[in-house]
Protein backbone atom coordinates (compact mmCIF):
# COMPACT_ATOMS: atom_id res chain seq x y z
CA MET A 1 138.49 -6.37 163.59
CA PRO A 2 141.37 -4.01 162.77
CA ASP A 3 141.95 -2.93 166.43
CA LYS A 4 142.21 -6.64 167.52
CA ILE A 5 144.67 -7.36 164.74
CA VAL A 6 146.85 -4.43 165.92
CA ARG A 7 146.72 -5.65 169.50
CA MET A 8 147.70 -9.20 168.53
CA GLY A 9 150.48 -7.98 166.27
CA ARG A 10 151.97 -5.77 169.01
CA ALA A 11 151.68 -8.62 171.57
CA SER A 12 153.91 -10.83 169.35
CA ASP A 13 156.45 -8.19 168.36
CA ALA A 14 159.22 -8.04 170.90
CA GLN A 15 161.05 -5.19 168.95
CA ARG A 16 158.16 -2.74 168.89
CA PRO A 17 158.35 0.53 170.82
CA VAL A 18 156.51 0.93 174.11
CA MET A 19 153.75 3.56 173.52
CA ILE A 20 151.91 5.79 175.93
CA ALA A 21 149.04 8.13 175.12
CA ILE A 22 148.43 11.36 177.03
CA ALA A 23 145.09 12.87 176.14
CA GLY A 24 143.31 15.97 177.38
CA ASP A 25 141.82 19.29 176.50
CA SER A 26 143.89 22.28 175.31
CA ALA A 27 146.26 23.55 178.01
CA ALA A 28 145.52 20.60 180.39
CA GLY A 29 149.21 20.09 180.95
CA LYS A 30 150.02 17.38 178.36
CA THR A 31 153.25 18.97 177.10
CA THR A 32 154.57 19.63 180.63
CA LEU A 33 153.87 16.07 181.63
CA THR A 34 155.52 14.77 178.48
CA GLN A 35 158.63 16.94 178.75
CA GLY A 36 159.46 15.54 182.18
CA LEU A 37 159.32 11.96 180.83
CA VAL A 38 161.53 12.87 177.85
CA ASP A 39 164.07 14.52 180.18
CA ALA A 40 164.05 11.53 182.52
CA VAL A 41 164.48 8.84 179.84
CA GLY A 42 166.65 10.77 177.42
CA LYS A 43 166.04 11.85 173.82
CA ASP A 44 168.22 8.98 172.56
CA ARG A 45 165.66 6.47 173.87
CA ILE A 46 162.29 8.22 173.61
CA THR A 47 160.31 9.96 170.89
CA ALA A 48 157.37 12.34 171.58
CA ILE A 49 154.85 13.55 169.08
CA CYS A 50 151.67 15.59 169.20
CA VAL A 51 148.62 14.40 167.25
CA ASP A 52 147.37 18.00 167.04
CA ASP A 53 149.74 18.09 164.06
CA TYR A 54 147.00 16.20 162.13
CA HIS A 55 144.81 19.32 161.92
CA ARG A 56 143.15 19.39 158.47
CA TYR A 57 143.05 23.19 158.27
CA ASP A 58 145.30 26.00 159.33
CA ARG A 59 144.05 28.73 161.68
CA GLU A 60 142.80 31.06 158.97
CA GLU A 61 141.01 28.27 157.12
CA ARG A 62 139.21 27.25 160.31
CA LYS A 63 137.66 30.65 161.02
CA PRO A 64 134.60 30.36 158.74
CA LEU A 65 134.07 26.67 159.48
CA PRO A 66 131.18 25.41 161.69
CA PHE A 67 133.52 23.44 164.00
CA THR A 68 136.79 23.94 165.88
CA ALA A 69 140.12 22.10 166.07
CA LEU A 70 138.60 19.79 168.69
CA HIS A 71 136.19 18.22 166.20
CA PRO A 72 137.34 14.99 164.47
CA ASP A 73 136.20 16.49 161.11
CA CYS A 74 138.85 19.19 161.58
CA ASN A 75 141.59 16.53 161.77
CA TYR A 76 142.96 13.80 159.57
CA VAL A 77 141.98 11.06 162.02
CA GLN A 78 142.41 8.22 159.56
CA ILE A 79 145.97 9.30 158.72
CA MET A 80 146.60 9.60 162.46
CA GLU A 81 145.40 6.05 162.94
CA GLN A 82 147.52 4.77 160.05
CA HIS A 83 150.63 6.54 161.38
CA LEU A 84 150.06 5.27 164.96
CA GLN A 85 149.86 1.72 163.62
CA MET A 86 153.12 2.17 161.72
CA LEU A 87 154.86 3.59 164.74
CA ALA A 88 153.45 0.80 166.91
CA THR A 89 155.21 -1.75 164.74
CA GLY A 90 158.49 0.20 164.63
CA GLN A 91 158.10 1.85 161.22
CA PRO A 92 159.04 5.54 160.49
CA ILE A 93 156.44 8.01 159.36
CA LEU A 94 156.40 11.35 157.57
CA LYS A 95 154.29 13.32 160.09
CA PRO A 96 152.51 16.56 159.34
CA VAL A 97 153.43 19.56 161.47
CA TYR A 98 151.14 22.30 162.76
CA ASP A 99 152.95 25.41 164.04
CA HIS A 100 150.90 26.61 167.03
CA SER A 101 152.78 29.90 167.19
CA THR A 102 151.64 30.91 163.67
CA GLY A 103 148.67 28.63 163.13
CA MET A 104 150.15 27.36 159.87
CA LEU A 105 150.74 23.88 158.51
CA VAL A 106 154.45 23.62 157.72
CA ARG A 107 156.92 21.15 156.28
CA PRO A 108 156.31 17.56 157.49
CA GLU A 109 159.00 15.82 159.50
CA LEU A 110 160.38 12.31 159.59
CA VAL A 111 159.67 10.45 162.86
CA GLU A 112 161.50 7.23 163.64
CA PRO A 113 160.27 5.39 166.71
CA LYS A 114 162.82 4.61 169.44
CA GLU A 115 162.53 2.43 172.50
CA PHE A 116 159.67 4.52 173.92
CA LEU A 117 157.09 6.72 172.23
CA ILE A 118 154.80 9.37 173.86
CA VAL A 119 151.77 10.47 171.89
CA GLU A 120 150.05 13.48 173.32
CA GLY A 121 147.25 15.71 172.06
CA LEU A 122 143.55 16.36 171.87
CA LEU A 123 142.34 13.10 170.22
CA PRO A 124 144.82 10.21 170.65
CA LEU A 125 142.17 8.03 172.37
CA SER A 126 139.26 9.05 170.20
CA THR A 127 139.02 5.85 168.15
CA LYS A 128 139.21 2.14 168.93
CA LEU A 129 141.96 1.64 166.37
CA ALA A 130 144.09 4.46 167.82
CA ARG A 131 143.66 3.08 171.40
CA ALA A 132 144.79 -0.38 170.22
CA CYS A 133 148.30 1.04 169.53
CA PHE A 134 149.08 1.97 173.16
CA ASP A 135 150.50 0.07 176.14
CA VAL A 136 149.37 2.70 178.66
CA THR A 137 146.78 5.45 178.34
CA VAL A 138 146.47 8.68 180.35
CA PHE A 139 143.81 11.38 180.53
CA LEU A 140 144.51 14.77 182.04
CA ASP A 141 141.47 16.08 183.84
CA PRO A 142 142.32 19.30 185.63
CA VAL A 143 139.68 21.46 187.34
CA GLU A 144 138.11 23.47 184.49
CA GLU A 145 138.66 26.85 186.12
CA ILE A 146 142.37 26.12 186.40
CA ARG A 147 142.66 24.82 182.88
CA ARG A 148 141.02 27.99 181.58
CA GLU A 149 143.54 30.12 183.40
CA TRP A 150 146.38 27.98 182.10
CA LYS A 151 145.11 28.40 178.58
CA ILE A 152 144.65 32.17 178.92
CA GLY A 153 148.20 32.47 180.27
CA ARG A 154 149.74 30.34 177.58
CA ASP A 155 147.84 31.78 174.59
CA THR A 156 148.36 35.41 175.59
CA LYS A 157 152.10 34.99 176.29
CA LYS A 158 153.06 32.57 173.53
CA ARG A 159 150.42 32.72 170.79
CA GLY A 160 149.65 36.39 170.46
CA TYR A 161 146.04 36.44 171.64
CA ASP A 162 144.47 38.79 174.18
CA ARG A 163 142.35 37.48 177.09
CA ALA A 164 138.99 38.25 175.46
CA GLN A 165 139.95 36.27 172.33
CA VAL A 166 141.04 33.23 174.35
CA GLU A 167 137.88 33.27 176.45
CA ALA A 168 135.66 33.53 173.39
CA GLU A 169 137.48 30.61 171.73
CA MET A 170 137.12 28.48 174.85
CA ASP A 171 133.36 29.21 174.95
CA LYS A 172 133.11 28.28 171.29
CA ARG A 173 134.99 25.02 171.89
CA GLU A 174 133.09 23.96 174.99
CA PRO A 175 130.32 21.86 173.18
CA GLU A 176 132.95 19.95 171.21
CA SER A 177 135.15 19.49 174.28
CA GLU A 178 132.17 17.87 176.02
CA GLU A 179 131.37 15.74 172.91
CA PHE A 180 134.79 14.63 171.77
CA ILE A 181 137.51 15.35 174.32
CA ARG A 182 136.13 14.37 177.73
CA PRO A 183 134.71 10.99 176.58
CA GLN A 184 138.29 9.83 176.14
CA ARG A 185 138.59 9.80 179.95
CA ALA A 186 136.66 6.51 179.97
CA PHE A 187 139.47 4.78 178.03
CA ALA A 188 142.41 5.89 180.23
CA ASP A 189 144.32 3.52 182.50
CA ILE A 190 145.27 6.54 184.62
CA VAL A 191 143.27 9.76 185.06
CA VAL A 192 145.20 12.69 186.52
CA ARG A 193 143.70 15.80 188.11
CA PHE A 194 145.70 18.73 189.43
CA ALA A 195 143.80 21.04 191.76
CA PRO A 196 143.89 22.76 195.11
CA ILE A 197 142.38 20.89 198.06
CA PRO A 198 138.81 21.89 198.70
CA GLY A 199 138.28 23.59 202.04
CA ARG A 200 141.94 24.36 202.77
CA ASP A 201 143.27 27.91 203.13
CA ASP A 202 146.77 27.24 201.85
CA PRO A 203 149.13 30.08 200.88
CA PRO A 204 148.89 31.22 197.24
CA ASP A 205 152.27 29.61 196.37
CA THR A 206 151.27 26.14 197.62
CA PRO A 207 151.78 23.66 194.74
CA LEU A 208 148.64 22.13 193.26
CA SER A 209 147.75 18.71 194.56
CA ALA A 210 147.40 15.61 192.35
CA GLU A 211 144.70 12.94 192.35
CA LEU A 212 145.52 9.90 190.23
CA LEU A 213 142.89 7.30 189.47
CA LEU A 214 144.80 4.06 189.05
CA ARG A 215 142.38 1.83 187.15
CA PRO A 216 142.84 -1.93 187.27
CA THR A 217 143.40 -2.14 183.47
CA VAL A 218 147.16 -2.14 184.01
CA ARG A 219 149.38 -3.30 186.90
CA HIS A 220 150.35 -0.46 189.20
CA PRO A 221 153.17 -0.55 191.75
CA ASP A 222 152.37 -1.82 195.24
CA LEU A 223 152.45 1.26 197.46
CA SER A 224 150.81 -0.20 200.55
CA GLU A 225 154.04 -0.24 202.60
CA VAL A 226 154.78 3.36 201.66
CA PHE A 227 151.78 4.75 203.43
CA LYS A 228 152.86 3.20 206.67
CA GLN A 229 155.77 5.53 206.69
CA VAL A 230 154.28 8.88 205.72
CA ASP A 231 151.61 11.33 206.88
CA GLY A 232 148.30 9.85 205.72
CA ARG A 233 146.70 13.31 205.59
CA ALA A 234 149.25 14.59 203.08
CA MET A 235 149.35 11.49 200.94
CA HIS A 236 147.03 8.57 200.84
CA LEU A 237 145.73 5.74 198.70
CA LYS A 238 142.09 4.80 198.91
CA LEU A 239 139.45 2.79 197.04
CA ILE A 240 136.73 4.91 195.48
CA ARG A 241 133.86 4.60 192.94
CA ASP A 242 134.73 5.94 189.49
CA GLU A 243 132.26 7.92 187.41
CA ASP A 244 130.88 4.70 186.02
CA GLY A 245 130.43 3.22 189.48
CA ARG A 246 133.34 0.78 189.25
CA PRO A 247 135.89 0.57 192.09
CA THR A 248 139.31 2.12 191.47
CA ASP A 249 142.29 3.13 193.51
CA ALA A 250 142.82 6.90 194.00
CA LEU A 251 146.26 8.13 194.85
CA HIS A 252 146.28 11.59 196.46
CA VAL A 253 149.49 13.58 196.74
CA HIS A 254 148.81 16.98 198.35
CA GLY A 255 150.76 20.05 197.42
CA TYR A 256 151.39 20.86 201.09
CA ALA A 257 152.84 17.41 201.77
CA PRO A 258 156.36 17.48 203.28
CA THR A 259 158.99 17.00 200.66
CA SER A 260 160.57 14.22 202.80
CA ASP A 261 157.30 12.23 202.70
CA ILE A 262 156.97 12.67 198.96
CA GLY A 263 160.55 11.55 198.63
CA VAL A 264 159.67 8.25 200.36
CA LEU A 265 156.88 7.75 197.82
CA GLN A 266 159.20 8.52 194.88
CA ASN A 267 161.96 6.26 196.13
CA ALA A 268 159.45 3.36 196.61
CA ILE A 269 158.21 3.70 193.02
CA TRP A 270 161.77 4.00 191.78
CA ALA A 271 162.85 0.95 193.70
CA ASP A 272 159.91 -1.09 192.35
CA MET A 273 161.12 -0.14 188.84
CA GLY A 274 164.56 -1.50 189.63
CA GLY A 275 165.93 1.98 189.19
CA GLU A 276 169.65 2.53 189.86
CA ASP A 277 171.23 5.54 191.62
CA THR A 278 168.57 8.15 192.49
CA VAL A 279 165.27 9.30 191.13
CA PRO A 280 165.75 11.50 187.98
CA THR A 281 166.08 15.15 188.97
CA GLY A 282 164.25 16.48 185.85
CA LEU A 283 160.85 15.35 187.05
CA GLY A 284 158.33 17.88 188.36
CA ARG A 285 159.55 20.91 186.53
CA ILE A 286 157.14 23.59 185.36
CA GLY A 287 159.16 25.96 183.22
CA SER A 288 162.75 26.47 184.20
CA ASP A 289 162.46 27.55 187.82
CA VAL A 290 159.32 25.96 189.37
CA ARG A 291 159.07 22.45 190.76
CA ASN A 292 155.88 20.64 191.71
CA GLU A 293 156.29 17.44 193.72
CA PRO A 294 152.87 15.96 192.96
CA LEU A 295 153.71 16.42 189.28
CA ALA A 296 157.04 14.63 189.84
CA VAL A 297 155.22 11.71 191.44
CA THR A 298 152.80 11.56 188.46
CA GLN A 299 155.69 11.53 185.93
CA LEU A 300 157.56 8.88 187.93
CA LEU A 301 154.43 6.68 187.98
CA LEU A 302 154.19 6.97 184.18
CA LEU A 303 157.87 6.21 183.91
CA TYR A 304 157.25 3.11 185.92
CA HIS A 305 154.63 2.00 183.45
CA LEU A 306 156.95 2.63 180.47
CA ILE A 307 159.64 0.43 182.04
CA GLU A 308 157.11 -2.25 183.06
CA ALA A 309 155.67 -2.43 179.49
CA ALA A 310 159.23 -2.72 178.13
CA ARG A 311 159.76 -5.83 180.27
């Protein structure tokens, strides 16, 4: 089968780039997560692309159609698969470009894979052939109420919509999100959820907490010693049952956790990676002036997997 051929070819190619997929619904935090990794690794070593560029129609052309941008029929999925296979074997591509600010399809761009490659977007894990191209797969699964507010904030500030338009579009997209976006969660090595802690009355400015499901499909760092040194209420690792009933580790990093405790966790992951000097300072940034430590831990864990896959 084509997906098995791709996996075997990548396994035997020592020069291929290390590829990570970050999937999730619109405004789930994919770009923020990606940007921290790019800043940490450096643009000279890492390439990041968004597969939403493979939209088949521009915004005006989509308006009369019976489906939204979340539907595979609204995207050139086969071309996406072809390009991912080429990138996975170190070949350059001429990638389409969708301008989210205008809703237009614009001039394509040349993409040459470097040592690492991040592929983020709505549908990177939607087909078996696409999934075969990745070393590590991630699905962002924020609480839906929070994601909706993130999308409203982003689309009203950066894309020229008003709140009512964004809410109407999200309601229209909901059936396709359930049918095509959320099922990709089942194929992720790591599932990330940012949310407040239920039942706590934290101040409004308390950073969101992170829950990371670390599935046994890839090797994760051994953090057992870390949790002997930190407050187990603020950060903990426990075995739970996933949605399919299978056991998986769940790493919880609470937004109220002391920065010193989170620093112990970050330093442990960094040391397991063989990192020199100190943990990269660009992790955890939301915009230019906000830092979220659970986000920084999440990005550092993904950085760990990039380095491990390169080895």
